[in-house]
Amino acid sequence: MREIRTFELEHDEPAAAWRITEPLILKVMAGQVWLTIDGDPEDYWLAPGATFELPRGARAWVSAGPDNARVALAVAGCTLRERMFPANASLLSRLSGRSLRDWMPRWFATA
């Protein structure tokens, strides 16, 4: 089983900066998405149905095209168990520093 998060982007919103803490797959569900990754000289325009793998540690800038956009994000290449119980993390470190406002999974953080 994988967790998939859906985000809606409006054309008039400023580009969002995402810091990727786990490898993710971005899939465009509707509209067009502009995507750029810090350190990558290319900008990408993704059409509906297109996917893009976002590597761990990347900072991605995402924005909607002229007709708004909807994207889905899923963790790439790991199981739910691996995400919930990483081998090098203790229970205390997984629980410390969390608050109710941390509703987003730890694999995705706004920059």
C-alpha atoms as a PDB file:
ATOM      1  CA  MET A   1       0.000   0.000   0.000  1.00  0.00           C
ATOM      2  CA  ARG A   2       1.234   3.514  -0.798  1.00  0.00           C
ATOM      3  CA  GLU A   3       0.107   6.876   0.471  1.00  0.00           C
ATOM      4  CA  ILE A   4      -0.734   9.326  -2.304  1.00  0.00           C
ATOM      5  CA  ARG A   5      -1.324  13.028  -1.666  1.00  0.00           C
ATOM      6  CA  THR A   6      -3.171  15.265  -4.127  1.00  0.00           C
ATOM      7  CA  PHE A   7      -2.510  19.003  -4.434  1.00  0.00           C
ATOM      8  CA  GLU A   8      -4.368  21.624  -6.442  1.00  0.00           C
ATOM      9  CA  LEU A   9      -2.368  24.554  -7.794  1.00  0.00           C
ATOM     10  CA  GLU A  10      -3.963  27.734  -9.091  1.00  0.00           C
ATOM     11  CA  HIS A  11      -2.467  29.699 -11.942  1.00  0.00           C
ATOM     12  CA  ASP A  12      -2.241  32.964  -9.999  1.00  0.00           C
ATOM     13  CA  GLU A  13      -0.434  31.410  -6.997  1.00  0.00           C
ATOM     14  CA  PRO A  14       3.296  32.021  -6.708  1.00  0.00           C
ATOM     15  CA  ALA A  15       5.555  29.036  -7.328  1.00  0.00           C
ATOM     16  CA  ALA A  16       5.790  26.738  -4.312  1.00  0.00           C
ATOM     17  CA  ALA A  17       9.196  25.591  -3.075  1.00  0.00           C
ATOM     18  CA  TRP A  18       9.257  21.986  -1.858  1.00  0.00           C
ATOM     19  CA  ARG A  19      12.182  20.375  -0.025  1.00  0.00           C
ATOM     20  CA  ILE A  20      12.072  16.673  -0.841  1.00  0.00           C
ATOM     21  CA  THR A  21      13.013  14.519   2.154  1.00  0.00           C
ATOM     22  CA  GLU A  22      12.142  11.140   0.557  1.00  0.00           C
ATOM     23  CA  PRO A  23      12.236  10.206  -3.155  1.00  0.00           C
ATOM     24  CA  LEU A  24       8.835  11.077  -4.644  1.00  0.00           C
ATOM     25  CA  ILE A  25       6.929  10.498  -7.846  1.00  0.00           C
ATOM     26  CA  LEU A  26       4.979  13.553  -9.016  1.00  0.00           C
ATOM     27  CA  LYS A  27       2.130  12.800 -11.444  1.00  0.00           C
ATOM     28  CA  VAL A  28       0.154  15.513 -13.208  1.00  0.00           C
ATOM     29  CA  MET A  29      -3.541  14.669 -12.920  1.00  0.00           C
ATOM     30  CA  ALA A  30      -4.952  17.785 -14.632  1.00  0.00           C
ATOM     31  CA  GLY A  31      -3.656  20.989 -16.217  1.00  0.00           C
ATOM     32  CA  GLN A  32      -0.027  21.798 -16.881  1.00  0.00           C
ATOM     33  CA  VAL A  33       2.712  22.028 -14.273  1.00  0.00           C
ATOM     34  CA  TRP A  34       5.940  24.022 -14.424  1.00  0.00           C
ATOM     35  CA  LEU A  35       8.711  22.313 -12.467  1.00  0.00           C
ATOM     36  CA  THR A  36      12.329  23.201 -11.846  1.00  0.00           C
ATOM     37  CA  ILE A  37      14.863  21.601  -9.527  1.00  0.00           C
ATOM     38  CA  ASP A  38      17.657  23.603  -7.871  1.00  0.00           C
ATOM     39  CA  GLY A  39      20.916  22.761  -9.629  1.00  0.00           C
ATOM     40  CA  ASP A  40      19.210  21.401 -12.765  1.00  0.00           C
ATOM     41  CA  PRO A  41      19.576  23.825 -15.685  1.00  0.00           C
ATOM     42  CA  GLU A  42      16.310  22.599 -17.261  1.00  0.00           C
ATOM     43  CA  ASP A  43      12.772  23.777 -16.613  1.00  0.00           C
ATOM     44  CA  TYR A  44      10.046  21.197 -17.211  1.00  0.00           C
ATOM     45  CA  TRP A  45       6.498  21.696 -18.467  1.00  0.00           C
ATOM     46  CA  LEU A  46       4.514  18.589 -17.587  1.00  0.00           C
ATOM     47  CA  ALA A  47       1.205  17.717 -19.263  1.00  0.00           C
ATOM     48  CA  PRO A  48      -1.623  15.612 -17.776  1.00  0.00           C
ATOM     49  CA  GLY A  49      -0.466  12.035 -17.264  1.00  0.00           C
ATOM     50  CA  ALA A  50       3.228  12.973 -17.105  1.00  0.00           C
ATOM     51  CA  THR A  51       5.309  11.755 -14.177  1.00  0.00           C
ATOM     52  CA  PHE A  52       8.573  13.047 -12.736  1.00  0.00           C
ATOM     53  CA  GLU A  53      10.787  11.486 -10.061  1.00  0.00           C
ATOM     54  CA  LEU A  54      11.900  13.969  -7.416  1.00  0.00           C
ATOM     55  CA  PRO A  55      15.120  12.821  -5.721  1.00  0.00           C
ATOM     56  CA  ARG A  56      15.753  12.928  -1.972  1.00  0.00           C
ATOM     57  CA  GLY A  57      17.390  16.175  -0.915  1.00  0.00           C
ATOM     58  CA  ALA A  58      16.180  18.162  -3.920  1.00  0.00           C
ATOM     59  CA  ARG A  59      14.482  21.526  -3.718  1.00  0.00           C
ATOM     60  CA  ALA A  60      11.724  21.680  -6.316  1.00  0.00           C
ATOM     61  CA  TRP A  61       9.810  24.739  -7.500  1.00  0.00           C
ATOM     62  CA  VAL A  62       6.295  23.947  -8.731  1.00  0.00           C
ATOM     63  CA  SER A  63       3.651  26.135 -10.319  1.00  0.00           C
ATOM     64  CA  ALA A  64       0.445  25.708 -12.327  1.00  0.00           C
ATOM     65  CA  GLY A  65       0.075  26.525 -16.002  1.00  0.00           C
ATOM     66  CA  PRO A  66      -2.669  28.829 -17.332  1.00  0.00           C
ATOM     67  CA  ASP A  67      -5.533  26.421 -16.534  1.00  0.00           C
ATOM     68  CA  ASN A  68      -4.631  25.541 -12.933  1.00  0.00           C
ATOM     69  CA  ALA A  69      -3.327  22.057 -12.133  1.00  0.00           C
ATOM     70  CA  ARG A  70      -3.778  19.030  -9.921  1.00  0.00           C
ATOM     71  CA  VAL A  71      -0.812  16.823  -8.994  1.00  0.00           C
ATOM     72  CA  ALA A  72      -0.417  13.621  -7.009  1.00  0.00           C
ATOM     73  CA  LEU A  73       2.687  12.799  -4.962  1.00  0.00           C
ATOM     74  CA  ALA A  74       3.658   9.300  -3.857  1.00  0.00           C
ATOM     75  CA  VAL A  75       6.784   7.936  -2.213  1.00  0.00           C
ATOM     76  CA  ALA A  76       8.988   6.310  -4.831  1.00  0.00           C
ATOM     77  CA  GLY A  77      10.276   2.780  -4.444  1.00  0.00           C
ATOM     78  CA  CYS A  78       9.623   1.913  -0.816  1.00  0.00           C
ATOM     79  CA  THR A  79       6.934   0.226   1.232  1.00  0.00           C
ATOM     80  CA  LEU A  80       4.762   1.735   3.938  1.00  0.00           C
ATOM     81  CA  ARG A  81       6.692  -0.274   6.556  1.00  0.00           C
ATOM     82  CA  GLU A  82      10.017   1.193   5.358  1.00  0.00           C
ATOM     83  CA  ARG A  83       8.592   4.723   5.646  1.00  0.00           C
ATOM     84  CA  MET A  84       7.073   4.199   9.090  1.00  0.00           C
ATOM     85  CA  PHE A  85       9.958   2.257  10.616  1.00  0.00           C
ATOM     86  CA  PRO A  86      13.263   3.277   9.053  1.00  0.00           C
ATOM     87  CA  ALA A  87      16.091   1.053  10.260  1.00  0.00           C
ATOM     88  CA  ASN A  88      18.206   3.922  11.613  1.00  0.00           C
ATOM     89  CA  ALA A  89      15.492   5.815  13.525  1.00  0.00           C
ATOM     90  CA  SER A  90      14.532   5.221  17.133  1.00  0.00           C
ATOM     91  CA  LEU A  91      10.958   5.592  18.327  1.00  0.00           C
ATOM     92  CA  LEU A  92      11.953   8.664  20.326  1.00  0.00           C
ATOM     93  CA  SER A  93      13.454  10.439  17.317  1.00  0.00           C
ATOM     94  CA  ARG A  94      10.348   9.678  15.226  1.00  0.00           C
ATOM     95  CA  LEU A  95       8.055  11.173  17.865  1.00  0.00           C
ATOM     96  CA  SER A  96      10.075  14.124  19.160  1.00  0.00           C
ATOM     97  CA  GLY A  97       9.506  17.556  17.714  1.00  0.00           C
ATOM     98  CA  ARG A  98       6.135  16.686  16.125  1.00  0.00           C
ATOM     99  CA  SER A  99       3.102  18.879  16.649  1.00  0.00           C
ATOM    100  CA  LEU A 100      -0.507  18.727  15.513  1.00  0.00           C
ATOM    101  CA  ARG A 101       0.206  21.252  12.792  1.00  0.00           C
ATOM    102  CA  ASP A 102       2.696  18.830  11.217  1.00  0.00           C
ATOM    103  CA  TRP A 103      -0.116  17.233   9.207  1.00  0.00           C
ATOM    104  CA  MET A 104       2.057  16.654   6.143  1.00  0.00           C
ATOM    105  CA  PRO A 105       4.016  13.407   6.035  1.00  0.00           C
ATOM    106  CA  ARG A 106       7.717  13.661   6.833  1.00  0.00           C
ATOM    107  CA  TRP A 107       8.638  12.808   3.233  1.00  0.00           C
ATOM    108  CA  PHE A 108       7.437  16.211   2.077  1.00  0.00           C
ATOM    109  CA  ALA A 109       8.092  19.626   3.555  1.00  0.00           C
ATOM    110  CA  THR A 110       7.498  23.120   2.318  1.00  0.00           C
ATOM    111  CA  ALA A 111      10.717  25.046   2.047  1.00  0.00           C
END
